[in-house]
Amino acid sequence: MLLQLRDRPPGPDEVIARSARILAELHTFLDSSAAPVIGVGVRHPSSYDAWTSYEQALVAARAARRVPSLKSIGDWDLLGELTVLLQLPEHALNASLVPKPLRTLTEVHGGDRLRDTLRCFLEHAGSISRTADALRLHRTSLYYRLRQIQEITGLDLDDGAHRLTLQLGLRIVELLTVSDDVAA
């Protein structure tokens, strides 16, 4: 655990740069099989709140272990919805959390393509033009896929609660996939 006291809070780029330097130093001392990670909690103006930052850093470290795109550095401020999902106990973070409509979508023929379309659609806030551009797909084809997704899942992509269910389900699948890859 490293607690830094400073007269001004560091910016996000500075935190990542310092964390990367610490990781590089750790690699010089540790066995090559070691896989250290860094978790960064929220910066607080008072040392009285250090315990909160510590708890957040533990969750951020868990994210750094599970999400390869973080490159072994998890920063609470940048984790978004993962901050909620990764506070679940390890035994509870399992396939039973994946919503049934999303499991159904994945199991159909062409489900991976439809799941990727859904992910892209949700990441682009439901924008047809941006989703079609990102997928390099004609809008008519995108509309067809979205209709298929709605028919298979039984969920309405115009309903915010349904979109949230699918978005969180996709994030859980990501966390489980990474966990499975690490275990293999």
N, C-alpha and C. Protein backbone atom coordinates (compact mmCIF):
# COMPACT_ATOMS: atom_id res chain seq x y z
N MET A 1 0.85 -1.16 0.00
CA MET A 1 0.00 0.00 0.00
C MET A 1 0.90 1.23 0.00
N LEU A 2 0.53 2.19 -0.84
CA LEU A 2 1.26 3.46 -0.94
C LEU A 2 0.26 4.57 -0.72
N LEU A 3 0.51 5.42 0.24
CA LEU A 3 -0.33 6.57 0.51
C LEU A 3 0.51 7.80 0.24
N GLN A 4 0.04 8.65 -0.67
CA GLN A 4 0.76 9.86 -1.01
C GLN A 4 0.03 11.07 -0.46
N LEU A 5 0.76 11.93 0.20
CA LEU A 5 0.21 13.20 0.68
C LEU A 5 0.83 14.30 -0.17
N ARG A 6 -0.02 15.13 -0.74
CA ARG A 6 0.45 16.17 -1.64
C ARG A 6 -0.34 17.45 -1.40
N ASP A 7 0.22 18.55 -1.86
CA ASP A 7 -0.48 19.82 -1.71
C ASP A 7 -1.56 20.02 -2.78
N ARG A 8 -1.48 19.26 -3.86
CA ARG A 8 -2.49 19.33 -4.91
C ARG A 8 -2.72 17.93 -5.46
N PRO A 9 -3.95 17.63 -5.85
CA PRO A 9 -4.21 16.28 -6.37
C PRO A 9 -3.56 16.10 -7.75
N PRO A 10 -3.01 14.92 -7.98
CA PRO A 10 -2.42 14.65 -9.30
C PRO A 10 -3.51 14.47 -10.35
N GLY A 11 -3.19 14.80 -11.59
CA GLY A 11 -4.12 14.58 -12.69
C GLY A 11 -4.11 13.12 -13.09
N PRO A 12 -5.12 12.68 -13.86
CA PRO A 12 -5.21 11.27 -14.26
C PRO A 12 -3.98 10.78 -15.03
N ASP A 13 -3.44 11.62 -15.90
CA ASP A 13 -2.25 11.21 -16.66
C ASP A 13 -1.06 10.99 -15.74
N GLU A 14 -0.93 11.86 -14.74
CA GLU A 14 0.17 11.73 -13.78
C GLU A 14 0.04 10.45 -12.96
N VAL A 15 -1.19 10.12 -12.57
CA VAL A 15 -1.42 8.90 -11.80
C VAL A 15 -1.04 7.67 -12.62
N ILE A 16 -1.46 7.64 -13.86
CA ILE A 16 -1.13 6.50 -14.73
C ILE A 16 0.38 6.41 -14.96
N ALA A 17 1.02 7.53 -15.20
CA ALA A 17 2.47 7.54 -15.43
C ALA A 17 3.22 7.04 -14.19
N ARG A 18 2.84 7.53 -13.02
CA ARG A 18 3.51 7.08 -11.78
C ARG A 18 3.26 5.59 -11.55
N SER A 19 2.03 5.15 -11.79
CA SER A 19 1.70 3.74 -11.61
C SER A 19 2.51 2.86 -12.55
N ALA A 20 2.66 3.31 -13.79
CA ALA A 20 3.45 2.55 -14.77
C ALA A 20 4.91 2.45 -14.32
N ARG A 21 5.45 3.54 -13.77
CA ARG A 21 6.84 3.50 -13.27
C ARG A 21 6.97 2.53 -12.10
N ILE A 22 6.00 2.52 -11.21
CA ILE A 22 6.03 1.59 -10.07
C ILE A 22 5.97 0.16 -10.57
N LEU A 23 5.11 -0.11 -11.55
CA LEU A 23 5.03 -1.46 -12.12
C LEU A 23 6.34 -1.88 -12.75
N ALA A 24 6.96 -0.97 -13.48
CA ALA A 24 8.25 -1.28 -14.11
C ALA A 24 9.29 -1.62 -13.05
N GLU A 25 9.31 -0.87 -11.96
CA GLU A 25 10.25 -1.16 -10.86
C GLU A 25 9.95 -2.51 -10.23
N LEU A 26 8.68 -2.81 -10.02
CA LEU A 26 8.31 -4.10 -9.44
C LEU A 26 8.80 -5.26 -10.30
N HIS A 27 8.68 -5.10 -11.62
CA HIS A 27 9.12 -6.16 -12.53
C HIS A 27 10.62 -6.43 -12.43
N THR A 28 11.39 -5.44 -12.03
CA THR A 28 12.85 -5.67 -11.87
C THR A 28 13.16 -6.51 -10.65
N PHE A 29 12.26 -6.51 -9.65
CA PHE A 29 12.50 -7.24 -8.41
C PHE A 29 11.79 -8.57 -8.33
N LEU A 30 10.72 -8.72 -9.08
CA LEU A 30 9.90 -9.93 -8.97
C LEU A 30 10.26 -10.97 -10.01
N ASP A 31 9.90 -12.19 -9.73
CA ASP A 31 10.07 -13.29 -10.66
C ASP A 31 9.27 -12.99 -11.93
N SER A 32 9.73 -13.49 -13.06
CA SER A 32 9.07 -13.20 -14.33
C SER A 32 7.64 -13.75 -14.39
N SER A 33 7.32 -14.72 -13.55
CA SER A 33 5.96 -15.27 -13.55
C SER A 33 4.98 -14.41 -12.75
N ALA A 34 5.51 -13.48 -11.98
CA ALA A 34 4.64 -12.61 -11.17
C ALA A 34 3.86 -11.66 -12.08
N ALA A 35 2.67 -11.35 -11.69
CA ALA A 35 1.82 -10.44 -12.46
C ALA A 35 1.26 -9.36 -11.53
N PRO A 36 2.11 -8.43 -11.13
CA PRO A 36 1.62 -7.39 -10.21
C PRO A 36 0.61 -6.46 -10.88
N VAL A 37 -0.29 -5.94 -10.09
CA VAL A 37 -1.27 -4.97 -10.56
C VAL A 37 -1.29 -3.80 -9.57
N ILE A 38 -1.80 -2.68 -10.05
CA ILE A 38 -1.93 -1.50 -9.20
C ILE A 38 -3.38 -1.06 -9.21
N GLY A 39 -3.89 -0.79 -8.03
CA GLY A 39 -5.23 -0.25 -7.88
C GLY A 39 -5.14 1.13 -7.27
N VAL A 40 -5.81 2.09 -7.87
CA VAL A 40 -5.75 3.48 -7.41
C VAL A 40 -7.14 3.90 -6.96
N GLY A 41 -7.21 4.40 -5.72
CA GLY A 41 -8.47 4.91 -5.19
C GLY A 41 -8.60 6.39 -5.49
N VAL A 42 -9.74 6.94 -5.12
CA VAL A 42 -10.02 8.36 -5.35
C VAL A 42 -9.09 9.21 -4.48
N ARG A 43 -8.66 10.32 -5.03
CA ARG A 43 -7.83 11.26 -4.30
C ARG A 43 -8.74 12.10 -3.40
N HIS A 44 -8.40 12.19 -2.11
CA HIS A 44 -9.21 12.94 -1.14
C HIS A 44 -8.41 14.11 -0.58
N PRO A 45 -9.10 15.19 -0.24
CA PRO A 45 -8.40 16.35 0.31
C PRO A 45 -7.91 16.15 1.75
N SER A 46 -8.40 15.12 2.42
CA SER A 46 -8.04 14.90 3.82
C SER A 46 -7.58 13.46 4.02
N SER A 47 -6.58 13.27 4.88
CA SER A 47 -6.09 11.91 5.16
C SER A 47 -7.12 11.10 5.95
N TYR A 48 -8.13 11.76 6.51
CA TYR A 48 -9.19 11.05 7.24
C TYR A 48 -9.98 10.13 6.32
N ASP A 49 -9.97 10.40 5.04
CA ASP A 49 -10.71 9.59 4.08
C ASP A 49 -9.83 8.55 3.39
N ALA A 50 -8.64 8.34 3.90
CA ALA A 50 -7.73 7.38 3.28
C ALA A 50 -8.33 5.98 3.23
N TRP A 51 -9.11 5.61 4.22
CA TRP A 51 -9.71 4.27 4.23
C TRP A 51 -10.63 4.07 3.04
N THR A 52 -11.35 5.13 2.63
CA THR A 52 -12.24 5.03 1.46
C THR A 52 -11.41 4.79 0.21
N SER A 53 -10.34 5.54 0.09
CA SER A 53 -9.46 5.37 -1.07
C SER A 53 -8.85 3.97 -1.10
N TYR A 54 -8.50 3.44 0.06
CA TYR A 54 -7.95 2.09 0.16
C TYR A 54 -8.95 1.06 -0.35
N GLU A 55 -10.21 1.16 0.10
CA GLU A 55 -11.25 0.23 -0.35
C GLU A 55 -11.45 0.32 -1.86
N GLN A 56 -11.43 1.54 -2.38
CA GLN A 56 -11.59 1.73 -3.82
C GLN A 56 -10.39 1.16 -4.57
N ALA A 57 -9.21 1.31 -4.01
CA ALA A 57 -8.00 0.79 -4.65
C ALA A 57 -8.04 -0.73 -4.73
N LEU A 58 -8.62 -1.38 -3.72
CA LEU A 58 -8.75 -2.84 -3.77
C LEU A 58 -9.63 -3.28 -4.94
N VAL A 59 -10.74 -2.57 -5.14
CA VAL A 59 -11.63 -2.87 -6.26
C VAL A 59 -10.92 -2.58 -7.58
N ALA A 60 -10.20 -1.46 -7.64
CA ALA A 60 -9.48 -1.09 -8.86
C ALA A 60 -8.39 -2.13 -9.19
N ALA A 61 -7.74 -2.67 -8.16
CA ALA A 61 -6.74 -3.72 -8.39
C ALA A 61 -7.40 -4.97 -8.95
N ARG A 62 -8.57 -5.29 -8.45
CA ARG A 62 -9.32 -6.44 -8.97
C ARG A 62 -9.64 -6.23 -10.44
N ALA A 63 -10.02 -5.01 -10.79
CA ALA A 63 -10.29 -4.68 -12.20
C ALA A 63 -9.02 -4.84 -13.03
N ALA A 64 -7.90 -4.38 -12.49
CA ALA A 64 -6.63 -4.48 -13.22
C ALA A 64 -6.26 -5.93 -13.50
N ARG A 65 -6.65 -6.84 -12.59
CA ARG A 65 -6.39 -8.26 -12.79
C ARG A 65 -7.30 -8.86 -13.85
N ARG A 66 -8.53 -8.37 -13.95
CA ARG A 66 -9.54 -8.99 -14.82
C ARG A 66 -9.68 -8.37 -16.20
N VAL A 67 -9.27 -7.12 -16.37
CA VAL A 67 -9.51 -6.41 -17.63
C VAL A 67 -8.18 -6.09 -18.31
N PRO A 68 -7.82 -6.86 -19.33
CA PRO A 68 -6.51 -6.67 -19.98
C PRO A 68 -6.28 -5.25 -20.52
N SER A 69 -7.33 -4.59 -20.98
CA SER A 69 -7.15 -3.26 -21.55
C SER A 69 -6.65 -2.24 -20.52
N LEU A 70 -6.76 -2.55 -19.24
CA LEU A 70 -6.27 -1.64 -18.20
C LEU A 70 -4.75 -1.72 -18.04
N LYS A 71 -4.14 -2.73 -18.63
CA LYS A 71 -2.68 -2.91 -18.60
C LYS A 71 -2.14 -2.91 -17.17
N SER A 72 -2.81 -3.66 -16.30
CA SER A 72 -2.39 -3.89 -14.92
C SER A 72 -2.53 -2.68 -14.00
N ILE A 73 -3.20 -1.63 -14.45
CA ILE A 73 -3.41 -0.44 -13.62
C ILE A 73 -4.90 -0.10 -13.62
N GLY A 74 -5.52 -0.26 -12.47
CA GLY A 74 -6.93 0.09 -12.33
C GLY A 74 -7.07 1.38 -11.55
N ASP A 75 -7.79 2.34 -12.10
CA ASP A 75 -8.03 3.62 -11.43
C ASP A 75 -9.53 3.74 -11.20
N TRP A 76 -9.93 3.80 -9.94
CA TRP A 76 -11.34 3.86 -9.57
C TRP A 76 -12.10 4.89 -10.40
N ASP A 77 -11.51 6.06 -10.58
CA ASP A 77 -12.19 7.15 -11.30
C ASP A 77 -12.50 6.81 -12.75
N LEU A 78 -11.82 5.82 -13.31
CA LEU A 78 -11.98 5.50 -14.72
C LEU A 78 -12.74 4.19 -14.97
N LEU A 79 -13.21 3.54 -13.92
CA LEU A 79 -13.80 2.21 -14.07
C LEU A 79 -15.28 2.19 -14.40
N GLY A 80 -15.97 3.29 -14.23
CA GLY A 80 -17.39 3.33 -14.58
C GLY A 80 -18.20 2.27 -13.85
N GLU A 81 -19.05 1.57 -14.59
CA GLU A 81 -19.93 0.57 -13.98
C GLU A 81 -19.19 -0.62 -13.39
N LEU A 82 -17.94 -0.80 -13.75
CA LEU A 82 -17.17 -1.90 -13.17
C LEU A 82 -16.98 -1.72 -11.67
N THR A 83 -17.02 -0.46 -11.19
CA THR A 83 -16.87 -0.23 -9.75
C THR A 83 -17.97 -0.94 -8.97
N VAL A 84 -19.15 -1.02 -9.54
CA VAL A 84 -20.27 -1.69 -8.88
C VAL A 84 -20.12 -3.21 -9.02
N LEU A 85 -19.88 -3.67 -10.24
CA LEU A 85 -19.81 -5.11 -10.49
C LEU A 85 -18.67 -5.78 -9.73
N LEU A 86 -17.54 -5.10 -9.62
CA LEU A 86 -16.37 -5.72 -8.98
C LEU A 86 -16.40 -5.65 -7.46
N GLN A 87 -17.45 -5.06 -6.90
CA GLN A 87 -17.61 -5.11 -5.46
C GLN A 87 -18.39 -6.35 -5.02
N LEU A 88 -18.89 -7.08 -6.01
CA LEU A 88 -19.53 -8.35 -5.69
C LEU A 88 -18.47 -9.32 -5.19
N PRO A 89 -18.82 -10.19 -4.25
CA PRO A 89 -17.84 -11.19 -3.82
C PRO A 89 -17.41 -12.06 -5.00
N GLU A 90 -16.20 -12.54 -4.96
CA GLU A 90 -15.64 -13.35 -6.06
C GLU A 90 -16.55 -14.51 -6.43
N HIS A 91 -17.09 -15.21 -5.43
CA HIS A 91 -17.95 -16.37 -5.72
C HIS A 91 -19.27 -15.96 -6.38
N ALA A 92 -19.69 -14.72 -6.18
CA ALA A 92 -20.96 -14.27 -6.77
C ALA A 92 -20.80 -13.79 -8.21
N LEU A 93 -19.58 -13.47 -8.61
CA LEU A 93 -19.32 -13.00 -9.97
C LEU A 93 -19.17 -14.23 -10.87
N ASN A 94 -20.32 -14.75 -11.31
CA ASN A 94 -20.32 -15.97 -12.12
C ASN A 94 -21.38 -15.88 -13.21
N ALA A 95 -21.46 -16.89 -14.01
CA ALA A 95 -22.35 -16.89 -15.18
C ALA A 95 -23.82 -16.72 -14.83
N SER A 96 -24.20 -17.00 -13.60
CA SER A 96 -25.62 -16.83 -13.23
C SER A 96 -26.04 -15.36 -13.26
N LEU A 97 -25.08 -14.44 -13.25
CA LEU A 97 -25.40 -13.01 -13.31
C LEU A 97 -25.72 -12.54 -14.73
N VAL A 98 -25.37 -13.33 -15.72
CA VAL A 98 -25.66 -12.95 -17.10
C VAL A 98 -27.16 -13.09 -17.33
N PRO A 99 -27.83 -11.99 -17.73
CA PRO A 99 -29.28 -12.06 -17.92
C PRO A 99 -29.67 -13.11 -18.96
N LYS A 100 -30.77 -13.80 -18.69
CA LYS A 100 -31.25 -14.86 -19.59
C LYS A 100 -31.39 -14.39 -21.03
N PRO A 101 -31.96 -13.19 -21.29
CA PRO A 101 -32.07 -12.77 -22.70
C PRO A 101 -30.71 -12.69 -23.41
N LEU A 102 -29.68 -12.30 -22.69
CA LEU A 102 -28.35 -12.22 -23.30
C LEU A 102 -27.77 -13.61 -23.52
N ARG A 103 -28.01 -14.53 -22.59
CA ARG A 103 -27.57 -15.92 -22.80
C ARG A 103 -28.27 -16.51 -24.01
N THR A 104 -29.57 -16.24 -24.14
CA THR A 104 -30.34 -16.73 -25.28
C THR A 104 -29.77 -16.19 -26.58
N LEU A 105 -29.44 -14.91 -26.61
CA LEU A 105 -28.87 -14.29 -27.80
C LEU A 105 -27.56 -14.95 -28.19
N THR A 106 -26.73 -15.22 -27.21
CA THR A 106 -25.42 -15.82 -27.47
C THR A 106 -25.53 -17.24 -28.00
N GLU A 107 -26.57 -17.95 -27.60
CA GLU A 107 -26.72 -19.36 -27.96
C GLU A 107 -27.28 -19.59 -29.36
N VAL A 108 -27.90 -18.58 -29.99
CA VAL A 108 -28.48 -18.77 -31.32
C VAL A 108 -27.38 -18.76 -32.38
N HIS A 109 -27.72 -19.31 -33.54
CA HIS A 109 -26.79 -19.28 -34.68
C HIS A 109 -26.53 -17.81 -35.05
N GLY A 110 -25.26 -17.43 -35.12
CA GLY A 110 -24.91 -16.04 -35.41
C GLY A 110 -24.97 -15.14 -34.19
N GLY A 111 -25.09 -15.76 -33.01
CA GLY A 111 -25.22 -15.00 -31.77
C GLY A 111 -24.03 -14.11 -31.47
N ASP A 112 -22.82 -14.56 -31.79
CA ASP A 112 -21.63 -13.74 -31.53
C ASP A 112 -21.70 -12.44 -32.33
N ARG A 113 -22.11 -12.54 -33.59
CA ARG A 113 -22.24 -11.36 -34.45
C ARG A 113 -23.29 -10.41 -33.89
N LEU A 114 -24.41 -10.98 -33.47
CA LEU A 114 -25.47 -10.16 -32.91
C LEU A 114 -25.05 -9.53 -31.57
N ARG A 115 -24.34 -10.29 -30.76
CA ARG A 115 -23.85 -9.75 -29.48
C ARG A 115 -22.88 -8.59 -29.73
N ASP A 116 -22.00 -8.74 -30.72
CA ASP A 116 -21.06 -7.66 -31.05
C ASP A 116 -21.79 -6.44 -31.58
N THR A 117 -22.84 -6.68 -32.36
CA THR A 117 -23.66 -5.57 -32.86
C THR A 117 -24.33 -4.85 -31.68
N LEU A 118 -24.89 -5.62 -30.78
CA LEU A 118 -25.54 -5.05 -29.60
C LEU A 118 -24.55 -4.23 -28.77
N ARG A 119 -23.38 -4.78 -28.54
CA ARG A 119 -22.35 -4.07 -27.75
C ARG A 119 -22.02 -2.74 -28.41
N CYS A 120 -21.81 -2.76 -29.70
CA CYS A 120 -21.46 -1.54 -30.43
C CYS A 120 -22.61 -0.52 -30.36
N PHE A 121 -23.83 -0.99 -30.54
CA PHE A 121 -25.01 -0.13 -30.48
C PHE A 121 -25.12 0.55 -29.11
N LEU A 122 -24.92 -0.22 -28.05
CA LEU A 122 -25.02 0.33 -26.70
C LEU A 122 -23.85 1.27 -26.40
N GLU A 123 -22.67 0.93 -26.88
CA GLU A 123 -21.50 1.80 -26.64
C GLU A 123 -21.60 3.12 -27.39
N HIS A 124 -22.39 3.13 -28.45
CA HIS A 124 -22.59 4.36 -29.22
C HIS A 124 -23.93 5.02 -28.87
N ALA A 125 -24.42 4.73 -27.65
CA ALA A 125 -25.63 5.37 -27.11
C ALA A 125 -26.84 5.22 -28.02
N GLY A 126 -26.93 4.10 -28.72
CA GLY A 126 -28.08 3.86 -29.57
C GLY A 126 -28.09 4.65 -30.87
N SER A 127 -26.98 5.26 -31.22
CA SER A 127 -26.90 6.03 -32.46
C SER A 127 -26.74 5.08 -33.64
N ILE A 128 -27.73 5.10 -34.52
CA ILE A 128 -27.69 4.22 -35.69
C ILE A 128 -26.53 4.59 -36.60
N SER A 129 -26.34 5.87 -36.87
CA SER A 129 -25.29 6.27 -37.81
C SER A 129 -23.90 5.93 -37.27
N ARG A 130 -23.65 6.22 -35.98
CA ARG A 130 -22.32 5.92 -35.44
C ARG A 130 -22.09 4.42 -35.32
N THR A 131 -23.13 3.67 -34.98
CA THR A 131 -22.99 2.22 -34.89
C THR A 131 -22.72 1.62 -36.26
N ALA A 132 -23.48 2.05 -37.25
CA ALA A 132 -23.29 1.54 -38.62
C ALA A 132 -21.88 1.86 -39.12
N ASP A 133 -21.41 3.07 -38.85
CA ASP A 133 -20.05 3.44 -39.25
C ASP A 133 -19.01 2.58 -38.55
N ALA A 134 -19.17 2.39 -37.25
CA ALA A 134 -18.21 1.59 -36.48
C ALA A 134 -18.17 0.14 -36.95
N LEU A 135 -19.32 -0.39 -37.33
CA LEU A 135 -19.39 -1.78 -37.79
C LEU A 135 -19.14 -1.91 -39.28
N ARG A 136 -19.03 -0.77 -39.97
CA ARG A 136 -18.88 -0.76 -41.44
C ARG A 136 -20.02 -1.55 -42.07
N LEU A 137 -21.22 -1.11 -41.69
CA LEU A 137 -22.43 -1.82 -42.04
C LEU A 137 -23.44 -0.82 -42.58
N HIS A 138 -24.21 -1.23 -43.58
CA HIS A 138 -25.28 -0.36 -44.09
C HIS A 138 -26.37 -0.27 -43.02
N ARG A 139 -26.98 0.90 -42.93
CA ARG A 139 -28.00 1.13 -41.90
C ARG A 139 -29.14 0.11 -41.98
N THR A 140 -29.53 -0.26 -43.17
CA THR A 140 -30.61 -1.24 -43.32
C THR A 140 -30.21 -2.56 -42.68
N SER A 141 -28.98 -2.97 -42.88
CA SER A 141 -28.48 -4.21 -42.26
C SER A 141 -28.45 -4.09 -40.75
N LEU A 142 -28.06 -2.91 -40.25
CA LEU A 142 -28.04 -2.69 -38.81
C LEU A 142 -29.45 -2.77 -38.24
N TYR A 143 -30.41 -2.13 -38.88
CA TYR A 143 -31.80 -2.20 -38.42
C TYR A 143 -32.29 -3.65 -38.38
N TYR A 144 -31.91 -4.42 -39.38
CA TYR A 144 -32.30 -5.83 -39.43
C TYR A 144 -31.72 -6.58 -38.23
N ARG A 145 -30.43 -6.38 -37.95
CA ARG A 145 -29.79 -7.05 -36.82
C ARG A 145 -30.44 -6.63 -35.49
N LEU A 146 -30.71 -5.34 -35.34
CA LEU A 146 -31.32 -4.87 -34.10
C LEU A 146 -32.71 -5.46 -33.90
N ARG A 147 -33.45 -5.61 -35.01
CA ARG A 147 -34.76 -6.25 -34.94
C ARG A 147 -34.61 -7.72 -34.50
N GLN A 148 -33.60 -8.40 -35.06
CA GLN A 148 -33.32 -9.79 -34.66
C GLN A 148 -33.01 -9.87 -33.16
N ILE A 149 -32.18 -8.95 -32.70
CA ILE A 149 -31.80 -8.93 -31.28
C ILE A 149 -33.03 -8.78 -30.40
N GLN A 150 -33.92 -7.87 -30.79
CA GLN A 150 -35.13 -7.65 -30.00
C GLN A 150 -36.04 -8.88 -30.01
N GLU A 151 -36.14 -9.53 -31.17
CA GLU A 151 -36.99 -10.73 -31.27
C GLU A 151 -36.43 -11.87 -30.43
N ILE A 152 -35.12 -12.06 -30.49
CA ILE A 152 -34.49 -13.17 -29.78
C ILE A 152 -34.51 -12.95 -28.26
N THR A 153 -34.20 -11.72 -27.84
CA THR A 153 -34.12 -11.45 -26.41
C THR A 153 -35.48 -11.15 -25.78
N GLY A 154 -36.42 -10.70 -26.60
CA GLY A 154 -37.71 -10.29 -26.07
C GLY A 154 -37.64 -8.94 -25.38
N LEU A 155 -36.53 -8.23 -25.56
CA LEU A 155 -36.35 -6.92 -24.94
C LEU A 155 -36.44 -5.81 -25.97
N ASP A 156 -36.92 -4.66 -25.53
CA ASP A 156 -37.10 -3.49 -26.38
C ASP A 156 -35.88 -2.58 -26.23
N LEU A 157 -35.13 -2.38 -27.29
CA LEU A 157 -33.93 -1.55 -27.23
C LEU A 157 -34.23 -0.07 -27.07
N ASP A 158 -35.50 0.31 -27.14
CA ASP A 158 -35.90 1.69 -26.86
C ASP A 158 -36.18 1.90 -25.37
N ASP A 159 -36.20 0.83 -24.60
CA ASP A 159 -36.48 0.90 -23.17
C ASP A 159 -35.15 0.99 -22.41
N GLY A 160 -34.98 2.05 -21.64
CA GLY A 160 -33.72 2.28 -20.92
C GLY A 160 -33.36 1.15 -19.96
N ALA A 161 -34.34 0.61 -19.26
CA ALA A 161 -34.08 -0.48 -18.32
C ALA A 161 -33.61 -1.73 -19.06
N HIS A 162 -34.19 -1.99 -20.23
CA HIS A 162 -33.76 -3.14 -21.02
C HIS A 162 -32.34 -2.94 -21.54
N ARG A 163 -32.04 -1.73 -22.00
CA ARG A 163 -30.67 -1.44 -22.47
C ARG A 163 -29.67 -1.60 -21.33
N LEU A 164 -30.02 -1.12 -20.13
CA LEU A 164 -29.13 -1.24 -18.97
C LEU A 164 -28.89 -2.71 -18.63
N THR A 165 -29.94 -3.50 -18.65
CA THR A 165 -29.81 -4.93 -18.38
C THR A 165 -28.82 -5.57 -19.35
N LEU A 166 -28.97 -5.26 -20.62
CA LEU A 166 -28.07 -5.85 -21.63
C LEU A 166 -26.65 -5.32 -21.50
N GLN A 167 -26.50 -4.03 -21.22
CA GLN A 167 -25.17 -3.43 -21.08
C GLN A 167 -24.42 -4.05 -19.90
N LEU A 168 -25.09 -4.15 -18.77
CA LEU A 168 -24.44 -4.77 -17.60
C LEU A 168 -24.15 -6.25 -17.86
N GLY A 169 -25.06 -6.91 -18.54
CA GLY A 169 -24.82 -8.31 -18.89
C GLY A 169 -23.59 -8.48 -19.76
N LEU A 170 -23.42 -7.60 -20.71
CA LEU A 170 -22.24 -7.65 -21.58
C LEU A 170 -20.96 -7.41 -20.78
N ARG A 171 -21.01 -6.48 -19.84
CA ARG A 171 -19.84 -6.21 -19.01
C ARG A 171 -19.51 -7.41 -18.12
N ILE A 172 -20.53 -8.07 -17.61
CA ILE A 172 -20.31 -9.26 -16.79
C ILE A 172 -19.67 -10.36 -17.64
N VAL A 173 -20.17 -10.53 -18.86
CA VAL A 173 -19.58 -11.53 -19.76
C VAL A 173 -18.09 -11.22 -19.98
N GLU A 174 -17.76 -9.96 -20.18
CA GLU A 174 -16.35 -9.56 -20.34
C GLU A 174 -15.52 -9.96 -19.12
N LEU A 175 -16.03 -9.65 -17.95
CA LEU A 175 -15.29 -9.97 -16.72
C LEU A 175 -15.13 -11.47 -16.55
N LEU A 176 -16.15 -12.23 -16.90
CA LEU A 176 -16.08 -13.68 -16.78
C LEU A 176 -15.15 -14.28 -17.82
N THR A 177 -15.16 -13.73 -19.02
CA THR A 177 -14.29 -14.24 -20.08
C THR A 177 -12.83 -14.06 -19.71
N VAL A 178 -12.51 -12.87 -19.20
CA VAL A 178 -11.12 -12.61 -18.79
C VAL A 178 -10.74 -13.54 -17.66
N SER A 179 -11.64 -13.72 -16.70
CA SER A 179 -11.39 -14.60 -15.58
C SER A 179 -11.15 -16.03 -16.05
N ASP A 180 -11.97 -16.49 -17.00
CA ASP A 180 -11.79 -17.83 -17.55
C ASP A 180 -10.47 -17.98 -18.29
N ASP A 181 -10.07 -16.91 -19.02
CA ASP A 181 -8.80 -16.95 -19.76
C ASP A 181 -7.63 -17.04 -18.79
N VAL A 182 -7.71 -16.33 -17.67
CA VAL A 182 -6.64 -16.35 -16.68
C VAL A 182 -6.54 -17.72 -16.03
N ALA A 183 -7.70 -18.34 -15.76
CA ALA A 183 -7.73 -19.64 -15.10
C ALA A 183 -7.22 -20.75 -16.00
N ALA A 184 -7.38 -20.58 -17.32
CA ALA A 184 -7.00 -21.64 -18.26
C ALA A 184 -5.50 -21.77 -18.42
